[in-house]
């Protein structure tokens, strides 16, 4: 019988799952998709490789779980930033843009579509749902700013944010990029 390091088997399993997820996120954020393997996760988490497979059957499943965790964290940060911004659409736009760029700068942006290619369909569907939830506030913001084609405009604004994120990831000043991006999106959205 395996030894458990918690008061209950359920808590033991939850602790192992958290350790595996933490190690996977750390590898994904700091070393990239290629660094995530069951062996690397086992080594980083201090859990036997065979145990990693008990929680996630493949590298793709590990990456999908890490991406879902990054989405969860991004949603929490975005919710907090938007709550602090209040109801003014320009302030909400600034909060959305700044938070998105901070996540990108810190390597915590959840977008990793290529890494999910081998993930089970239900994992990919869950990631798409998370992405839609994260995009919903941007759609609401562009609607409040007066966009006539909200879906298309929000998608174009998201493309601008993706380009801005790449600038920040490559060392551009976050504050300057946020200012330009907010101005660009606000001007493009207004009728």
N, C-alpha and C. Protein backbone atom coordinates (compact mmCIF):
# COMPACT_ATOMS: atom_id res chain seq x y z
N UNK A 1 0.85 -1.18 0.00
CA UNK A 1 0.00 0.00 0.00
C UNK A 1 0.89 1.25 0.00
N UNK A 2 0.66 2.20 -0.92
CA UNK A 2 1.48 3.40 -0.96
C UNK A 2 1.25 4.27 0.27
N UNK A 3 2.31 4.96 0.65
CA UNK A 3 2.20 5.88 1.79
C UNK A 3 1.52 7.15 1.34
N UNK A 4 0.65 7.68 2.18
CA UNK A 4 0.05 8.96 1.87
C UNK A 4 0.61 10.00 2.83
N UNK A 5 0.72 11.23 2.34
CA UNK A 5 1.30 12.30 3.15
C UNK A 5 0.26 13.36 3.50
N UNK A 6 -0.96 12.91 3.76
CA UNK A 6 -2.04 13.81 4.12
C UNK A 6 -3.02 13.06 5.01
N UNK A 7 -3.92 13.78 5.68
CA UNK A 7 -4.87 13.12 6.57
C UNK A 7 -5.81 12.14 5.85
N UNK A 8 -6.11 12.41 4.58
CA UNK A 8 -7.01 11.52 3.83
C UNK A 8 -6.40 11.22 2.46
N UNK A 9 -6.88 10.17 1.84
CA UNK A 9 -6.42 9.83 0.49
C UNK A 9 -6.81 10.94 -0.48
N UNK A 10 -8.00 11.49 -0.31
CA UNK A 10 -8.45 12.57 -1.21
C UNK A 10 -7.52 13.78 -1.11
N UNK A 11 -7.13 14.15 0.10
CA UNK A 11 -6.21 15.29 0.26
C UNK A 11 -4.83 14.94 -0.29
N UNK A 12 -4.39 13.72 -0.11
CA UNK A 12 -3.11 13.27 -0.67
C UNK A 12 -3.12 13.42 -2.19
N UNK A 13 -4.19 12.95 -2.83
CA UNK A 13 -4.31 13.07 -4.29
C UNK A 13 -4.37 14.54 -4.72
N UNK A 14 -5.09 15.35 -3.96
CA UNK A 14 -5.19 16.78 -4.29
C UNK A 14 -3.82 17.46 -4.19
N UNK A 15 -3.05 17.10 -3.19
CA UNK A 15 -1.70 17.68 -3.05
C UNK A 15 -0.80 17.28 -4.21
N UNK A 16 -0.87 16.01 -4.60
CA UNK A 16 -0.06 15.55 -5.74
C UNK A 16 -0.48 16.27 -7.01
N UNK A 17 -1.78 16.39 -7.21
CA UNK A 17 -2.28 17.08 -8.41
C UNK A 17 -1.80 18.52 -8.43
N UNK A 18 -1.86 19.21 -7.27
CA UNK A 18 -1.38 20.61 -7.22
C UNK A 18 0.11 20.68 -7.51
N UNK A 19 0.89 19.74 -6.98
CA UNK A 19 2.33 19.73 -7.24
C UNK A 19 2.63 19.49 -8.71
N UNK A 20 1.90 18.58 -9.32
CA UNK A 20 2.09 18.30 -10.74
C UNK A 20 1.72 19.53 -11.57
N UNK A 21 0.58 20.13 -11.25
CA UNK A 21 0.13 21.31 -11.99
C UNK A 21 1.10 22.47 -11.82
N UNK A 22 1.57 22.69 -10.62
CA UNK A 22 2.53 23.77 -10.36
C UNK A 22 3.82 23.55 -11.15
N UNK A 23 4.31 22.33 -11.14
CA UNK A 23 5.54 22.03 -11.89
C UNK A 23 5.33 22.21 -13.39
N UNK A 24 4.17 21.79 -13.88
CA UNK A 24 3.89 21.91 -15.31
C UNK A 24 3.78 23.37 -15.72
N UNK A 25 3.08 24.17 -14.94
CA UNK A 25 2.96 25.60 -15.24
C UNK A 25 4.33 26.25 -15.22
N UNK A 26 5.12 25.92 -14.22
CA UNK A 26 6.46 26.49 -14.10
C UNK A 26 7.31 26.15 -15.33
N UNK A 27 7.29 24.91 -15.75
CA UNK A 27 8.05 24.50 -16.93
C UNK A 27 7.53 25.21 -18.18
N UNK A 28 6.22 25.26 -18.34
CA UNK A 28 5.63 25.87 -19.52
C UNK A 28 5.97 27.35 -19.61
N UNK A 29 5.83 28.06 -18.50
CA UNK A 29 6.07 29.50 -18.49
C UNK A 29 7.55 29.83 -18.63
N UNK A 30 8.40 29.10 -17.94
CA UNK A 30 9.82 29.46 -17.89
C UNK A 30 10.69 28.80 -18.94
N UNK A 31 10.24 27.64 -19.46
CA UNK A 31 11.10 26.92 -20.40
C UNK A 31 10.42 26.59 -21.73
N UNK A 32 9.11 26.77 -21.80
CA UNK A 32 8.39 26.56 -23.05
C UNK A 32 7.77 25.19 -23.17
N UNK A 33 6.96 25.05 -24.23
CA UNK A 33 6.19 23.83 -24.47
C UNK A 33 7.07 22.58 -24.53
N UNK A 34 8.21 22.69 -25.19
CA UNK A 34 9.06 21.52 -25.39
C UNK A 34 9.65 20.98 -24.08
N UNK A 35 9.70 21.82 -23.06
CA UNK A 35 10.26 21.40 -21.78
C UNK A 35 9.29 20.55 -20.97
N UNK A 36 8.02 20.60 -21.33
CA UNK A 36 7.00 19.87 -20.57
C UNK A 36 6.95 18.42 -21.05
N UNK A 37 7.43 17.54 -20.20
CA UNK A 37 7.34 16.10 -20.42
C UNK A 37 6.98 15.48 -19.08
N UNK A 38 6.39 14.30 -19.09
CA UNK A 38 6.10 13.66 -17.80
C UNK A 38 7.36 13.50 -16.94
N UNK A 39 8.49 13.19 -17.56
CA UNK A 39 9.73 13.03 -16.78
C UNK A 39 10.15 14.35 -16.15
N UNK A 40 10.08 15.45 -16.92
CA UNK A 40 10.47 16.75 -16.39
C UNK A 40 9.53 17.20 -15.28
N UNK A 41 8.24 16.96 -15.48
CA UNK A 41 7.26 17.32 -14.45
C UNK A 41 7.49 16.49 -13.19
N UNK A 42 7.78 15.21 -13.36
CA UNK A 42 8.05 14.36 -12.21
C UNK A 42 9.25 14.87 -11.43
N UNK A 43 10.31 15.19 -12.15
CA UNK A 43 11.52 15.69 -11.49
C UNK A 43 11.25 17.01 -10.78
N UNK A 44 10.55 17.94 -11.45
CA UNK A 44 10.28 19.25 -10.87
C UNK A 44 9.35 19.16 -9.67
N UNK A 45 8.40 18.22 -9.70
CA UNK A 45 7.42 18.13 -8.62
C UNK A 45 7.84 17.19 -7.49
N UNK A 46 8.87 16.37 -7.75
CA UNK A 46 9.30 15.41 -6.75
C UNK A 46 8.38 14.20 -6.65
N UNK A 47 7.63 13.95 -7.72
CA UNK A 47 6.68 12.85 -7.76
C UNK A 47 7.17 11.85 -8.81
N UNK A 48 6.98 10.59 -8.55
CA UNK A 48 7.42 9.56 -9.50
C UNK A 48 6.74 9.75 -10.86
N UNK A 49 7.49 9.49 -11.91
CA UNK A 49 6.97 9.64 -13.27
C UNK A 49 5.72 8.80 -13.49
N UNK A 50 5.70 7.60 -12.97
CA UNK A 50 4.51 6.76 -13.12
C UNK A 50 3.30 7.39 -12.43
N UNK A 51 3.53 8.11 -11.35
CA UNK A 51 2.43 8.80 -10.67
C UNK A 51 1.89 9.95 -11.51
N UNK A 52 2.78 10.63 -12.24
CA UNK A 52 2.33 11.72 -13.11
C UNK A 52 1.31 11.18 -14.11
N UNK A 53 1.58 10.00 -14.66
CA UNK A 53 0.66 9.39 -15.63
C UNK A 53 -0.69 9.02 -15.02
N UNK A 54 -0.74 8.85 -13.71
CA UNK A 54 -2.02 8.57 -13.05
C UNK A 54 -2.95 9.78 -13.10
N UNK A 55 -2.35 10.97 -13.21
CA UNK A 55 -3.13 12.21 -13.21
C UNK A 55 -3.35 12.74 -14.62
N UNK A 56 -2.36 12.58 -15.48
CA UNK A 56 -2.41 13.08 -16.85
C UNK A 56 -1.75 12.05 -17.75
N UNK A 57 -2.50 11.55 -18.72
CA UNK A 57 -2.04 10.44 -19.54
C UNK A 57 -1.02 10.77 -20.61
N UNK A 58 -0.77 12.05 -20.85
CA UNK A 58 0.17 12.41 -21.91
C UNK A 58 0.73 13.81 -21.67
N UNK A 59 1.74 14.14 -22.45
CA UNK A 59 2.30 15.49 -22.41
C UNK A 59 1.24 16.50 -22.80
N UNK A 60 0.46 16.20 -23.82
CA UNK A 60 -0.58 17.13 -24.26
C UNK A 60 -1.59 17.40 -23.14
N UNK A 61 -1.94 16.38 -22.38
CA UNK A 61 -2.86 16.58 -21.26
C UNK A 61 -2.22 17.44 -20.16
N UNK A 62 -0.93 17.23 -19.92
CA UNK A 62 -0.22 18.08 -18.95
C UNK A 62 -0.26 19.54 -19.39
N UNK A 63 0.06 19.78 -20.67
CA UNK A 63 0.06 21.15 -21.19
C UNK A 63 -1.34 21.74 -21.13
N UNK A 64 -2.34 20.95 -21.49
CA UNK A 64 -3.72 21.44 -21.43
C UNK A 64 -4.09 21.84 -20.01
N UNK A 65 -3.71 21.04 -19.03
CA UNK A 65 -4.01 21.37 -17.63
C UNK A 65 -3.30 22.66 -17.21
N UNK A 66 -2.07 22.83 -17.66
CA UNK A 66 -1.33 24.05 -17.33
C UNK A 66 -1.95 25.26 -18.00
N UNK A 67 -2.36 25.11 -19.25
CA UNK A 67 -3.00 26.22 -19.95
C UNK A 67 -4.31 26.59 -19.26
N UNK A 68 -5.07 25.60 -18.84
CA UNK A 68 -6.31 25.87 -18.10
C UNK A 68 -6.02 26.63 -16.80
N UNK A 69 -4.96 26.26 -16.13
CA UNK A 69 -4.57 26.97 -14.90
C UNK A 69 -4.16 28.40 -15.22
N UNK A 70 -3.43 28.59 -16.30
CA UNK A 70 -3.06 29.96 -16.69
C UNK A 70 -4.30 30.78 -17.02
N UNK A 71 -5.28 30.18 -17.68
CA UNK A 71 -6.54 30.88 -17.95
C UNK A 71 -7.23 31.24 -16.64
N UNK A 72 -7.26 30.30 -15.70
CA UNK A 72 -7.92 30.57 -14.41
C UNK A 72 -7.26 31.77 -13.73
N UNK A 73 -5.93 31.78 -13.73
CA UNK A 73 -5.21 32.90 -13.10
C UNK A 73 -5.45 34.20 -13.86
N UNK A 74 -5.43 34.13 -15.20
CA UNK A 74 -5.65 35.32 -16.02
C UNK A 74 -7.06 35.88 -15.77
N UNK A 75 -8.05 35.00 -15.70
CA UNK A 75 -9.42 35.45 -15.45
C UNK A 75 -9.52 36.13 -14.08
N UNK A 76 -8.87 35.57 -13.09
CA UNK A 76 -8.92 36.16 -11.75
C UNK A 76 -8.27 37.55 -11.75
N UNK A 77 -7.11 37.66 -12.41
CA UNK A 77 -6.43 38.97 -12.48
C UNK A 77 -7.26 39.97 -13.27
N UNK A 78 -7.86 39.51 -14.37
CA UNK A 78 -8.68 40.40 -15.19
C UNK A 78 -9.92 40.86 -14.43
N UNK A 79 -10.57 39.94 -13.74
CA UNK A 79 -11.75 40.30 -12.96
C UNK A 79 -11.41 41.36 -11.91
N UNK A 80 -10.29 41.18 -11.24
CA UNK A 80 -9.88 42.15 -10.22
C UNK A 80 -9.58 43.51 -10.84
N UNK A 81 -8.88 43.52 -11.96
CA UNK A 81 -8.53 44.78 -12.63
C UNK A 81 -9.78 45.50 -13.13
N UNK A 82 -10.71 44.76 -13.72
CA UNK A 82 -11.92 45.38 -14.24
C UNK A 82 -12.83 45.87 -13.12
N UNK A 83 -12.85 45.14 -12.01
CA UNK A 83 -13.64 45.60 -10.85
C UNK A 83 -13.09 46.92 -10.33
N UNK A 84 -11.78 47.02 -10.27
CA UNK A 84 -11.15 48.25 -9.79
C UNK A 84 -11.35 49.42 -10.76
N UNK A 85 -11.54 49.12 -12.04
CA UNK A 85 -11.68 50.17 -13.06
C UNK A 85 -13.05 50.84 -13.04
N UNK A 86 -14.04 50.18 -12.47
CA UNK A 86 -15.37 50.78 -12.43
C UNK A 86 -16.11 50.61 -13.75
N UNK A 87 -17.02 51.55 -14.03
CA UNK A 87 -17.91 51.42 -15.18
C UNK A 87 -17.48 52.21 -16.42
N UNK A 88 -16.53 53.12 -16.30
CA UNK A 88 -16.12 53.93 -17.44
C UNK A 88 -15.44 53.04 -18.49
N UNK A 89 -15.95 53.02 -19.73
CA UNK A 89 -15.40 52.12 -20.74
C UNK A 89 -13.92 52.37 -21.06
N UNK A 90 -13.49 53.61 -21.03
CA UNK A 90 -12.07 53.89 -21.31
C UNK A 90 -11.18 53.37 -20.18
N UNK A 91 -11.64 53.51 -18.95
CA UNK A 91 -10.88 52.97 -17.82
C UNK A 91 -10.87 51.44 -17.86
N UNK A 92 -11.97 50.86 -18.26
CA UNK A 92 -12.04 49.41 -18.38
C UNK A 92 -11.13 48.92 -19.51
N UNK A 93 -11.08 49.67 -20.61
CA UNK A 93 -10.17 49.32 -21.71
C UNK A 93 -8.73 49.36 -21.22
N UNK A 94 -8.38 50.42 -20.50
CA UNK A 94 -7.01 50.54 -19.98
C UNK A 94 -6.70 49.37 -19.04
N UNK A 95 -7.63 49.02 -18.18
CA UNK A 95 -7.41 47.90 -17.25
C UNK A 95 -7.25 46.60 -18.02
N UNK A 96 -8.08 46.38 -19.04
CA UNK A 96 -8.00 45.15 -19.82
C UNK A 96 -6.67 45.07 -20.56
N UNK A 97 -6.30 46.15 -21.22
CA UNK A 97 -5.05 46.18 -21.98
C UNK A 97 -3.85 46.00 -21.05
N UNK A 98 -3.81 46.75 -19.98
CA UNK A 98 -2.67 46.69 -19.06
C UNK A 98 -2.52 45.30 -18.44
N UNK A 99 -3.63 44.71 -18.03
CA UNK A 99 -3.58 43.37 -17.43
C UNK A 99 -3.11 42.35 -18.46
N UNK A 100 -3.63 42.45 -19.67
CA UNK A 100 -3.21 41.53 -20.74
C UNK A 100 -1.71 41.65 -20.98
N UNK A 101 -1.20 42.87 -21.03
CA UNK A 101 0.23 43.07 -21.28
C UNK A 101 1.08 42.62 -20.10
N UNK A 102 0.59 42.80 -18.89
CA UNK A 102 1.33 42.32 -17.72
C UNK A 102 1.43 40.80 -17.74
N UNK A 103 0.32 40.15 -18.08
CA UNK A 103 0.34 38.68 -18.18
C UNK A 103 1.35 38.24 -19.24
N UNK A 104 1.37 38.91 -20.36
CA UNK A 104 2.31 38.57 -21.43
C UNK A 104 3.75 38.79 -20.98
N UNK A 105 4.00 39.93 -20.37
CA UNK A 105 5.36 40.25 -19.90
C UNK A 105 5.86 39.20 -18.92
N UNK A 106 4.97 38.75 -18.05
CA UNK A 106 5.37 37.81 -17.01
C UNK A 106 5.35 36.36 -17.48
N UNK A 107 5.00 36.15 -18.76
CA UNK A 107 4.97 34.80 -19.31
C UNK A 107 3.76 34.00 -18.89
N UNK A 108 2.73 34.69 -18.39
CA UNK A 108 1.55 34.00 -17.89
C UNK A 108 0.35 34.11 -18.81
N UNK A 109 0.56 34.60 -20.02
CA UNK A 109 -0.55 34.65 -20.98
C UNK A 109 -0.91 33.22 -21.36
N UNK A 110 -2.19 32.88 -21.31
CA UNK A 110 -2.57 31.48 -21.51
C UNK A 110 -2.60 30.98 -22.94
N UNK A 111 -2.45 31.81 -23.94
CA UNK A 111 -2.60 31.36 -25.33
C UNK A 111 -1.44 30.45 -25.75
N UNK A 112 -1.74 29.19 -25.99
CA UNK A 112 -0.75 28.22 -26.45
C UNK A 112 -1.42 27.22 -27.38
N UNK A 113 -2.03 27.69 -28.48
CA UNK A 113 -2.81 26.77 -29.32
C UNK A 113 -1.99 25.65 -29.94
N UNK A 114 -0.78 25.90 -30.37
CA UNK A 114 0.03 24.85 -31.00
C UNK A 114 0.35 23.74 -30.02
N UNK A 115 0.58 24.09 -28.77
CA UNK A 115 0.93 23.10 -27.77
C UNK A 115 -0.23 22.16 -27.45
N UNK A 116 -1.45 22.58 -27.79
CA UNK A 116 -2.63 21.78 -27.46
C UNK A 116 -3.06 20.86 -28.60
N UNK A 117 -2.29 20.82 -29.66
CA UNK A 117 -2.69 20.05 -30.85
C UNK A 117 -2.97 18.59 -30.51
N UNK A 118 -2.21 17.99 -29.63
CA UNK A 118 -2.40 16.58 -29.29
C UNK A 118 -3.29 16.34 -28.09
N UNK A 119 -3.83 17.41 -27.53
CA UNK A 119 -4.69 17.26 -26.34
C UNK A 119 -6.03 16.64 -26.74
N UNK A 120 -6.66 15.94 -25.81
CA UNK A 120 -7.98 15.39 -26.10
C UNK A 120 -8.97 16.50 -26.48
N UNK A 121 -9.97 16.14 -27.27
CA UNK A 121 -10.95 17.11 -27.76
C UNK A 121 -11.62 17.87 -26.62
N UNK A 122 -11.91 17.18 -25.51
CA UNK A 122 -12.57 17.87 -24.40
C UNK A 122 -11.66 18.92 -23.77
N UNK A 123 -10.36 18.69 -23.78
CA UNK A 123 -9.40 19.69 -23.27
C UNK A 123 -9.38 20.91 -24.19
N UNK A 124 -9.33 20.66 -25.49
CA UNK A 124 -9.32 21.77 -26.45
C UNK A 124 -10.63 22.57 -26.36
N UNK A 125 -11.74 21.88 -26.17
CA UNK A 125 -13.03 22.56 -26.04
C UNK A 125 -13.06 23.41 -24.77
N UNK A 126 -12.53 22.89 -23.69
CA UNK A 126 -12.49 23.65 -22.43
C UNK A 126 -11.61 24.89 -22.57
N UNK A 127 -10.51 24.76 -23.28
CA UNK A 127 -9.62 25.91 -23.49
C UNK A 127 -10.33 26.96 -24.35
N UNK A 128 -11.05 26.53 -25.38
CA UNK A 128 -11.80 27.49 -26.21
C UNK A 128 -12.83 28.23 -25.35
N UNK A 129 -13.50 27.51 -24.46
CA UNK A 129 -14.48 28.13 -23.58
C UNK A 129 -13.81 29.17 -22.66
N UNK A 130 -12.66 28.82 -22.12
CA UNK A 130 -11.92 29.77 -21.27
C UNK A 130 -11.52 31.01 -22.07
N UNK A 131 -11.08 30.79 -23.29
CA UNK A 131 -10.69 31.92 -24.14
C UNK A 131 -11.88 32.83 -24.39
N UNK A 132 -13.04 32.25 -24.64
CA UNK A 132 -14.24 33.05 -24.86
C UNK A 132 -14.61 33.85 -23.61
N UNK A 133 -14.47 33.23 -22.44
CA UNK A 133 -14.76 33.96 -21.19
C UNK A 133 -13.80 35.12 -21.00
N UNK A 134 -12.54 34.93 -21.36
CA UNK A 134 -11.55 35.99 -21.21
C UNK A 134 -11.78 37.10 -22.24
N UNK A 135 -12.33 36.75 -23.40
CA UNK A 135 -12.61 37.74 -24.43
C UNK A 135 -13.92 38.51 -24.17
N UNK A 136 -14.83 37.95 -23.41
CA UNK A 136 -16.13 38.58 -23.18
C UNK A 136 -16.03 40.00 -22.63
N UNK A 137 -15.16 40.28 -21.67
CA UNK A 137 -15.06 41.66 -21.20
C UNK A 137 -14.59 42.63 -22.29
N UNK A 138 -13.70 42.16 -23.18
CA UNK A 138 -13.24 43.03 -24.26
C UNK A 138 -14.40 43.35 -25.20
N UNK A 139 -15.23 42.36 -25.51
CA UNK A 139 -16.40 42.60 -26.35
C UNK A 139 -17.34 43.61 -25.68
N UNK A 140 -17.53 43.48 -24.38
CA UNK A 140 -18.39 44.43 -23.65
C UNK A 140 -17.81 45.83 -23.68
N UNK A 141 -16.50 45.92 -23.59
CA UNK A 141 -15.84 47.23 -23.62
C UNK A 141 -16.00 47.88 -24.99
N UNK A 142 -15.75 47.15 -26.07
CA UNK A 142 -15.88 47.75 -27.39
C UNK A 142 -17.34 48.10 -27.68
N UNK A 143 -18.27 47.33 -27.15
CA UNK A 143 -19.68 47.66 -27.28
C UNK A 143 -19.98 48.98 -26.56
N UNK A 144 -19.48 49.12 -25.34
CA UNK A 144 -19.70 50.34 -24.56
C UNK A 144 -19.04 51.56 -25.22
N UNK A 145 -17.97 51.32 -25.97
CA UNK A 145 -17.30 52.42 -26.67
C UNK A 145 -18.01 52.80 -27.98
N UNK A 146 -19.03 52.02 -28.36
CA UNK A 146 -19.84 52.39 -29.50
C UNK A 146 -19.61 51.61 -30.78
N UNK A 147 -18.95 50.49 -30.72
CA UNK A 147 -18.70 49.69 -31.93
C UNK A 147 -20.02 49.21 -32.53
N UNK A 148 -20.10 49.23 -33.85
CA UNK A 148 -21.32 48.76 -34.50
C UNK A 148 -21.27 47.24 -34.74
N UNK A 149 -20.14 46.72 -35.05
CA UNK A 149 -19.95 45.27 -35.26
C UNK A 149 -19.10 44.75 -34.09
N UNK A 150 -19.74 44.47 -32.98
CA UNK A 150 -19.03 44.17 -31.74
C UNK A 150 -18.12 42.94 -31.88
N UNK A 151 -18.63 41.85 -32.44
CA UNK A 151 -17.82 40.63 -32.55
C UNK A 151 -16.57 40.83 -33.38
N UNK A 152 -16.73 41.43 -34.55
CA UNK A 152 -15.59 41.68 -35.43
C UNK A 152 -14.63 42.68 -34.80
N UNK A 153 -15.18 43.74 -34.23
CA UNK A 153 -14.35 44.76 -33.63
C UNK A 153 -13.56 44.21 -32.44
N UNK A 154 -14.21 43.39 -31.63
CA UNK A 154 -13.51 42.78 -30.49
C UNK A 154 -12.39 41.86 -30.97
N UNK A 155 -12.64 41.12 -32.05
CA UNK A 155 -11.60 40.24 -32.60
C UNK A 155 -10.42 41.07 -33.13
N UNK A 156 -10.71 42.18 -33.78
CA UNK A 156 -9.62 43.05 -34.27
C UNK A 156 -8.87 43.69 -33.11
N UNK A 157 -9.60 44.08 -32.07
CA UNK A 157 -8.94 44.63 -30.87
C UNK A 157 -8.06 43.57 -30.23
N UNK A 158 -8.53 42.34 -30.20
CA UNK A 158 -7.73 41.24 -29.64
C UNK A 158 -6.46 41.03 -30.46
N UNK A 159 -6.57 41.16 -31.78
CA UNK A 159 -5.38 41.06 -32.63
C UNK A 159 -4.37 42.15 -32.31
N UNK A 160 -4.87 43.35 -32.07
CA UNK A 160 -3.98 44.45 -31.68
C UNK A 160 -3.30 44.15 -30.35
N UNK A 161 -4.07 43.58 -29.43
CA UNK A 161 -3.52 43.20 -28.12
C UNK A 161 -2.47 42.11 -28.25
N UNK A 162 -2.69 41.19 -29.17
CA UNK A 162 -1.71 40.14 -29.38
C UNK A 162 -0.39 40.73 -29.89
N UNK A 163 -0.49 41.65 -30.83
CA UNK A 163 0.72 42.31 -31.33
C UNK A 163 1.40 43.11 -30.23
N UNK A 164 0.60 43.82 -29.43
CA UNK A 164 1.16 44.58 -28.31
C UNK A 164 1.82 43.66 -27.30
N UNK A 165 1.22 42.51 -27.06
CA UNK A 165 1.80 41.53 -26.13
C UNK A 165 3.16 41.06 -26.62
N UNK A 166 3.27 40.83 -27.92
CA UNK A 166 4.56 40.40 -28.48
C UNK A 166 5.62 41.48 -28.30
N UNK A 167 5.22 42.73 -28.45
CA UNK A 167 6.19 43.83 -28.22
C UNK A 167 6.69 43.80 -26.78
N UNK A 168 5.77 43.65 -25.84
CA UNK A 168 6.15 43.63 -24.42
C UNK A 168 6.99 42.39 -24.11
N UNK A 169 6.61 41.24 -24.67
CA UNK A 169 7.39 40.01 -24.45
C UNK A 169 8.83 40.17 -24.94
N UNK A 170 9.03 41.02 -25.95
CA UNK A 170 10.37 41.22 -26.51
C UNK A 170 11.06 42.45 -25.94
N UNK A 171 10.54 42.97 -24.83
CA UNK A 171 11.27 44.01 -24.10
C UNK A 171 10.77 45.43 -24.23
N UNK A 172 9.72 45.68 -25.00
CA UNK A 172 9.20 47.04 -25.11
C UNK A 172 8.61 47.47 -23.77
N UNK A 173 8.62 48.76 -23.52
CA UNK A 173 8.10 49.30 -22.26
C UNK A 173 6.59 49.08 -22.17
N UNK A 174 6.16 48.41 -21.13
CA UNK A 174 4.75 48.05 -20.97
C UNK A 174 3.86 49.28 -20.93
N UNK A 175 4.24 50.28 -20.19
CA UNK A 175 3.41 51.48 -20.05
C UNK A 175 3.22 52.19 -21.39
N UNK A 176 4.31 52.32 -22.14
CA UNK A 176 4.22 52.97 -23.45
C UNK A 176 3.36 52.17 -24.41
N UNK A 177 3.56 50.88 -24.44
CA UNK A 177 2.77 50.02 -25.34
C UNK A 177 1.30 50.06 -24.93
N UNK A 178 1.02 50.06 -23.63
CA UNK A 178 -0.37 50.12 -23.16
C UNK A 178 -1.02 51.43 -23.60
N UNK A 179 -0.30 52.55 -23.47
CA UNK A 179 -0.86 53.85 -23.89
C UNK A 179 -1.21 53.86 -25.37
N UNK A 180 -0.28 53.42 -26.20
CA UNK A 180 -0.50 53.41 -27.64
C UNK A 180 -1.63 52.46 -28.01
N UNK A 181 -1.64 51.29 -27.38
CA UNK A 181 -2.67 50.29 -27.69
C UNK A 181 -4.05 50.79 -27.29
N UNK A 182 -4.17 51.39 -26.13
CA UNK A 182 -5.47 51.94 -25.69
C UNK A 182 -5.96 53.01 -26.65
N UNK A 183 -5.07 53.93 -27.02
CA UNK A 183 -5.43 54.99 -27.97
C UNK A 183 -5.84 54.40 -29.31
N UNK A 184 -5.07 53.44 -29.79
CA UNK A 184 -5.35 52.80 -31.08
C UNK A 184 -6.72 52.12 -31.07
N UNK A 185 -6.98 51.33 -30.05
CA UNK A 185 -8.25 50.59 -29.99
C UNK A 185 -9.42 51.56 -29.82
N UNK A 186 -9.29 52.54 -28.93
CA UNK A 186 -10.39 53.49 -28.69
C UNK A 186 -10.72 54.26 -29.97
N UNK A 187 -9.70 54.69 -30.70
CA UNK A 187 -9.96 55.42 -31.95
C UNK A 187 -10.58 54.51 -33.00
N UNK A 188 -10.14 53.28 -33.07
CA UNK A 188 -10.67 52.35 -34.07
C UNK A 188 -12.10 51.93 -33.77
N UNK A 189 -12.46 51.91 -32.51
CA UNK A 189 -13.77 51.41 -32.10
C UNK A 189 -14.85 52.47 -32.24
N UNK A 190 -14.52 53.69 -31.90
CA UNK A 190 -15.55 54.75 -31.89
C UNK A 190 -16.09 54.99 -33.29
N UNK A 191 -17.42 55.16 -33.38
CA UNK A 191 -18.03 55.42 -34.71
C UNK A 191 -17.64 56.79 -35.25
